[in-house]
Amino acid sequence: MKSQIEAVDLPLFKLSDNQDLILFLIKKELQGTKFTQELDRLGFDASLYSSDLGAVILSLVGFKRRTDELWDWFMPMMDRYAEKVDLHEPDTARELALNVYLELRGRSRWG
């Protein structure tokens, strides 16, 4: 799958197609999480509208086992990053997706 994703403006840095896909999925997950957070704030039950790409993202990053401990770390981390997303500024989600990716890669090296 060839994706047209601009993670950030890094002219001397080329991502693999797999990394592009992971960043795209993280960006979409952050935007979806932000959207459901905003619906929650308005009083709507947003649980039906979550995209739940976490399992796919974690698998693509290299997590073979998705334990409860991993989920207990992953979900709040994604919520924290999603809080920073500005839905009117697409660049924020793109930049935050790279930060999430780097954090996930760091965590995947330690288990």
Protein backbone atom coordinates (compact mmCIF):
# COMPACT_ATOMS: atom_id res chain seq x y z
CA MET A 1 0.00 0.00 0.00
CA LYS A 2 1.48 3.28 -1.10
CA SER A 3 0.34 6.20 1.02
CA GLN A 4 0.76 9.90 0.47
CA ILE A 5 1.46 11.09 4.00
CA GLU A 6 3.54 14.02 5.11
CA ALA A 7 4.60 13.27 8.70
CA VAL A 8 6.54 16.48 9.07
CA ASP A 9 8.67 18.55 6.75
CA LEU A 10 11.94 16.62 6.95
CA PRO A 11 13.62 16.96 3.53
CA LEU A 12 16.64 14.81 4.42
CA PHE A 13 14.64 12.09 6.16
CA LYS A 14 12.79 9.36 4.25
CA LEU A 15 10.33 7.08 5.99
CA SER A 16 9.58 3.58 4.82
CA ASP A 17 6.10 2.80 3.52
CA ASN A 18 5.42 0.88 6.74
CA GLN A 19 6.37 3.91 8.84
CA ASP A 20 4.21 6.13 6.64
CA LEU A 21 1.26 3.81 7.23
CA ILE A 22 1.86 3.74 11.00
CA LEU A 23 2.07 7.55 11.15
CA PHE A 24 -1.12 7.85 9.09
CA LEU A 25 -2.98 5.47 11.42
CA ILE A 26 -1.67 7.25 14.53
CA LYS A 27 -2.73 10.61 13.10
CA LYS A 28 -6.23 9.30 12.36
CA GLU A 29 -6.46 7.73 15.82
CA LEU A 30 -5.41 11.02 17.46
CA GLN A 31 -7.96 12.98 15.43
CA GLY A 32 -10.70 10.46 16.17
CA THR A 33 -9.86 10.43 19.86
CA LYS A 34 -9.90 14.24 19.95
CA PHE A 35 -13.28 14.24 18.21
CA THR A 36 -14.77 11.80 20.73
CA GLN A 37 -13.24 13.81 23.60
CA GLU A 38 -15.00 16.90 22.28
CA LEU A 39 -18.30 15.01 21.94
CA ASP A 40 -17.91 13.82 25.55
CA ARG A 41 -17.36 17.41 26.68
CA LEU A 42 -20.61 18.38 24.97
CA GLY A 43 -22.48 15.63 26.80
CA PHE A 44 -22.79 13.07 24.01
CA ASP A 45 -22.05 9.39 24.46
CA ALA A 46 -19.15 9.15 22.02
CA SER A 47 -18.27 5.52 22.73
CA LEU A 48 -19.95 4.40 19.49
CA TYR A 49 -17.77 6.70 17.39
CA SER A 50 -14.25 5.70 18.40
CA SER A 51 -12.08 4.28 15.61
CA ASP A 52 -10.01 1.96 17.85
CA LEU A 53 -6.94 1.56 15.65
CA GLY A 54 -4.75 0.78 18.65
CA ALA A 55 -4.35 -2.96 18.00
CA VAL A 56 -3.32 -2.34 14.40
CA ILE A 57 -0.90 0.43 15.38
CA LEU A 58 0.71 -1.65 18.11
CA SER A 59 1.04 -4.66 15.78
CA LEU A 60 2.66 -2.60 13.03
CA VAL A 61 5.09 -1.01 15.49
CA GLY A 62 6.19 -4.50 16.54
CA PHE A 63 4.37 -5.37 19.75
CA LYS A 64 3.81 -9.12 19.55
CA ARG A 65 1.92 -9.34 22.84
CA ARG A 66 -0.62 -6.70 23.76
CA THR A 67 -0.88 -7.18 27.51
CA ASP A 68 -3.15 -5.34 29.92
CA GLU A 69 -0.09 -3.45 31.13
CA LEU A 70 0.62 -2.27 27.57
CA TRP A 71 -2.99 -1.14 27.08
CA ASP A 72 -2.92 0.61 30.48
CA TRP A 73 0.05 2.61 29.19
CA PHE A 74 -1.09 3.06 25.58
CA MET A 75 -4.63 4.37 26.06
CA PRO A 76 -3.80 7.23 28.50
CA MET A 77 -0.76 8.13 26.38
CA MET A 78 -2.96 8.46 23.29
CA ASP A 79 -5.50 10.49 25.28
CA ARG A 80 -2.76 12.88 26.42
CA TYR A 81 -1.54 13.44 22.89
CA ALA A 82 -5.10 13.73 21.54
CA GLU A 83 -5.80 16.53 24.02
CA LYS A 84 -3.13 18.57 22.19
CA VAL A 85 -4.66 18.06 18.73
CA ASP A 86 -6.24 21.11 17.13
CA LEU A 87 -8.86 19.76 14.72
CA HIS A 88 -8.69 23.02 12.75
CA GLU A 89 -4.91 22.70 12.27
CA PRO A 90 -4.00 19.38 10.59
CA ASP A 91 -0.30 19.97 11.20
CA THR A 92 -0.75 19.46 14.95
CA ALA A 93 -2.00 15.89 14.50
CA ARG A 94 0.79 15.17 12.02
CA GLU A 95 3.50 16.40 14.39
CA LEU A 96 1.97 14.65 17.38
CA ALA A 97 1.74 11.40 15.40
CA LEU A 98 5.51 11.46 14.96
CA ASN A 99 5.97 12.00 18.71
CA VAL A 100 3.63 9.09 19.47
CA TYR A 101 5.48 6.90 16.98
CA LEU A 102 8.82 7.68 18.60
CA GLU A 103 7.40 6.94 22.04
CA LEU A 104 5.96 3.65 20.80
CA ARG A 105 9.27 2.66 19.21
CA GLY A 106 11.06 3.42 22.47
CA ARG A 107 8.59 1.33 24.43
CA SER A 108 8.74 -1.56 21.95
CA ARG A 109 12.48 -1.90 22.52
CA TRP A 110 11.90 -2.46 26.26
CA GLY A 111 8.98 -4.83 25.97
